[in-house]
Amino acid sequence: MRHTLPLRRTLTAVLTTTLLAGGVLLGQTATAEPAAAARMTCNIDKLRADAHKERNRAAQLRRLGARTEANRAVARADALERRAQQCHDAENNNRPPLWK
């Protein structure tokens, strides 16, 4: 019987920790505001301008022979363009329907 005591203590501690963590998470989700209520604003023109600057920088780096840095700049420009497109799509999808 002596060998079950450490296992019983361990299981009790794990169960207690799990229940406490679950209670904390449940309490946070009940008081958190919904994601749809959060208003995020994007400056689409600035994102596209930054992407254009990155593409120009990539072209200059490529002319200088720095291929790796040019590829990184192109990847950053692509990411900025994707973000601008996501913001544009989100802005267009959040408008109320015309028939209401």
C-alpha atoms as a PDB file:
ATOM      1  CA  MET A   1       0.000   0.000   0.000  1.00  0.00           C
ATOM      2  CA  ARG A   2       2.906   2.282   0.569  1.00  0.00           C
ATOM      3  CA  HIS A   3       3.767   2.530  -3.136  1.00  0.00           C
ATOM      4  CA  THR A   4       0.370   4.047  -4.058  1.00  0.00           C
ATOM      5  CA  LEU A   5       0.714   7.105  -1.818  1.00  0.00           C
ATOM      6  CA  PRO A   6       3.066   9.129  -4.110  1.00  0.00           C
ATOM      7  CA  LEU A   7       0.931   8.289  -7.133  1.00  0.00           C
ATOM      8  CA  ARG A   8      -2.236   9.369  -5.330  1.00  0.00           C
ATOM      9  CA  ARG A   9      -0.621  12.676  -4.337  1.00  0.00           C
ATOM     10  CA  THR A  10       0.591  13.281  -7.883  1.00  0.00           C
ATOM     11  CA  LEU A  11      -2.780  12.547  -9.428  1.00  0.00           C
ATOM     12  CA  THR A  12      -4.535  14.768  -6.897  1.00  0.00           C
ATOM     13  CA  ALA A  13      -2.143  17.631  -7.607  1.00  0.00           C
ATOM     14  CA  VAL A  14      -2.551  17.254 -11.386  1.00  0.00           C
ATOM     15  CA  LEU A  15      -6.341  17.106 -11.104  1.00  0.00           C
ATOM     16  CA  THR A  16      -6.444  20.170  -8.862  1.00  0.00           C
ATOM     17  CA  THR A  17      -4.176  22.150 -11.184  1.00  0.00           C
ATOM     18  CA  THR A  18      -6.258  21.190 -14.202  1.00  0.00           C
ATOM     19  CA  LEU A  19      -9.495  22.229 -12.531  1.00  0.00           C
ATOM     20  CA  LEU A  20      -8.052  25.561 -11.425  1.00  0.00           C
ATOM     21  CA  ALA A  21      -6.660  26.297 -14.880  1.00  0.00           C
ATOM     22  CA  GLY A  22      -9.970  25.366 -16.486  1.00  0.00           C
ATOM     23  CA  GLY A  23     -11.846  27.639 -14.096  1.00  0.00           C
ATOM     24  CA  VAL A  24      -9.558  30.547 -14.893  1.00  0.00           C
ATOM     25  CA  LEU A  25      -9.943  30.001 -18.637  1.00  0.00           C
ATOM     26  CA  LEU A  26     -13.699  29.692 -18.340  1.00  0.00           C
ATOM     27  CA  GLY A  27     -13.822  32.916 -16.334  1.00  0.00           C
ATOM     28  CA  GLN A  28     -11.766  34.752 -18.930  1.00  0.00           C
ATOM     29  CA  THR A  29     -13.878  33.616 -21.851  1.00  0.00           C
ATOM     30  CA  ALA A  30     -17.063  34.673 -20.101  1.00  0.00           C
ATOM     31  CA  THR A  31     -15.830  38.216 -19.537  1.00  0.00           C
ATOM     32  CA  ALA A  32     -13.902  38.685 -22.810  1.00  0.00           C
ATOM     33  CA  GLU A  33     -15.580  40.708 -25.513  1.00  0.00           C
ATOM     34  CA  PRO A  34     -16.320  38.883 -28.753  1.00  0.00           C
ATOM     35  CA  ALA A  35     -13.806  39.109 -31.563  1.00  0.00           C
ATOM     36  CA  ALA A  36     -16.385  40.646 -33.866  1.00  0.00           C
ATOM     37  CA  ALA A  37     -16.780  43.587 -31.502  1.00  0.00           C
ATOM     38  CA  ALA A  38     -13.093  44.466 -31.719  1.00  0.00           C
ATOM     39  CA  ARG A  39     -12.571  47.132 -34.353  1.00  0.00           C
ATOM     40  CA  MET A  40      -9.315  46.920 -36.245  1.00  0.00           C
ATOM     41  CA  THR A  41      -8.334  49.630 -38.645  1.00  0.00           C
ATOM     42  CA  CYS A  42      -5.815  49.364 -41.439  1.00  0.00           C
ATOM     43  CA  ASN A  43      -4.275  52.027 -43.581  1.00  0.00           C
ATOM     44  CA  ILE A  44      -4.477  50.211 -46.905  1.00  0.00           C
ATOM     45  CA  ASP A  45      -2.773  52.974 -48.882  1.00  0.00           C
ATOM     46  CA  LYS A  46       0.182  53.015 -46.481  1.00  0.00           C
ATOM     47  CA  LEU A  47       0.503  49.217 -46.630  1.00  0.00           C
ATOM     48  CA  ARG A  48       0.549  49.305 -50.421  1.00  0.00           C
ATOM     49  CA  ALA A  49       3.036  52.182 -50.462  1.00  0.00           C
ATOM     50  CA  ASP A  50       5.320  50.272 -48.090  1.00  0.00           C
ATOM     51  CA  ALA A  51       5.065  47.225 -50.332  1.00  0.00           C
ATOM     52  CA  HIS A  52       6.020  49.362 -53.319  1.00  0.00           C
ATOM     53  CA  LYS A  53       9.048  50.718 -51.441  1.00  0.00           C
ATOM     54  CA  GLU A  54      10.093  47.173 -50.524  1.00  0.00           C
ATOM     55  CA  ARG A  55       9.829  46.082 -54.159  1.00  0.00           C
ATOM     56  CA  ASN A  56      11.984  49.024 -55.237  1.00  0.00           C
ATOM     57  CA  ARG A  57      14.495  48.129 -52.545  1.00  0.00           C
ATOM     58  CA  ALA A  58      14.495  44.510 -53.733  1.00  0.00           C
ATOM     59  CA  ALA A  59      15.174  45.596 -57.305  1.00  0.00           C
ATOM     60  CA  GLN A  60      18.072  47.751 -56.164  1.00  0.00           C
ATOM     61  CA  LEU A  61      19.521  44.928 -54.068  1.00  0.00           C
ATOM     62  CA  ARG A  62      19.172  42.531 -56.979  1.00  0.00           C
ATOM     63  CA  ARG A  63      21.060  44.980 -59.228  1.00  0.00           C
ATOM     64  CA  LEU A  64      23.811  45.136 -56.618  1.00  0.00           C
ATOM     65  CA  GLY A  65      24.016  41.343 -56.532  1.00  0.00           C
ATOM     66  CA  ALA A  66      22.560  40.765 -53.056  1.00  0.00           C
ATOM     67  CA  ARG A  67      20.115  38.028 -54.025  1.00  0.00           C
ATOM     68  CA  THR A  68      19.311  36.785 -50.517  1.00  0.00           C
ATOM     69  CA  GLU A  69      18.439  40.220 -49.198  1.00  0.00           C
ATOM     70  CA  ALA A  70      16.446  40.935 -52.359  1.00  0.00           C
ATOM     71  CA  ASN A  71      14.427  37.762 -51.848  1.00  0.00           C
ATOM     72  CA  ARG A  72      13.712  38.789 -48.262  1.00  0.00           C
ATOM     73  CA  ALA A  73      12.578  42.236 -49.399  1.00  0.00           C
ATOM     74  CA  VAL A  74      10.268  40.654 -51.985  1.00  0.00           C
ATOM     75  CA  ALA A  75       8.839  38.368 -49.303  1.00  0.00           C
ATOM     76  CA  ARG A  76       8.181  41.378 -47.040  1.00  0.00           C
ATOM     77  CA  ALA A  77       6.530  43.203 -49.953  1.00  0.00           C
ATOM     78  CA  ASP A  78       4.333  40.179 -50.658  1.00  0.00           C
ATOM     79  CA  ALA A  79       3.343  40.013 -46.980  1.00  0.00           C
ATOM     80  CA  LEU A  80       2.427  43.716 -46.995  1.00  0.00           C
ATOM     81  CA  GLU A  81       0.371  43.266 -50.154  1.00  0.00           C
ATOM     82  CA  ARG A  82      -1.448  40.279 -48.640  1.00  0.00           C
ATOM     83  CA  ARG A  83      -2.177  42.280 -45.494  1.00  0.00           C
ATOM     84  CA  ALA A  84      -3.499  45.185 -47.551  1.00  0.00           C
ATOM     85  CA  GLN A  85      -5.731  42.823 -49.512  1.00  0.00           C
ATOM     86  CA  GLN A  86      -6.993  41.207 -46.302  1.00  0.00           C
ATOM     87  CA  CYS A  87      -7.836  44.618 -44.876  1.00  0.00           C
ATOM     88  CA  HIS A  88      -9.588  45.603 -48.092  1.00  0.00           C
ATOM     89  CA  ASP A  89     -11.611  42.379 -48.132  1.00  0.00           C
ATOM     90  CA  ALA A  90     -12.512  42.704 -44.457  1.00  0.00           C
ATOM     91  CA  GLU A  91     -13.623  46.277 -44.996  1.00  0.00           C
ATOM     92  CA  ASN A  92     -15.846  45.262 -47.895  1.00  0.00           C
ATOM     93  CA  ASN A  93     -17.333  42.263 -46.067  1.00  0.00           C
ATOM     94  CA  ASN A  94     -18.280  44.208 -42.918  1.00  0.00           C
ATOM     95  CA  ARG A  95     -20.682  46.527 -44.642  1.00  0.00           C
ATOM     96  CA  PRO A  96     -24.373  45.952 -43.982  1.00  0.00           C
ATOM     97  CA  PRO A  97     -26.382  44.412 -46.819  1.00  0.00           C
ATOM     98  CA  LEU A  98     -28.062  46.838 -49.198  1.00  0.00           C
ATOM     99  CA  TRP A  99     -31.548  45.364 -48.783  1.00  0.00           C
ATOM    100  CA  LYS A 100     -31.853  46.063 -45.038  1.00  0.00           C
END
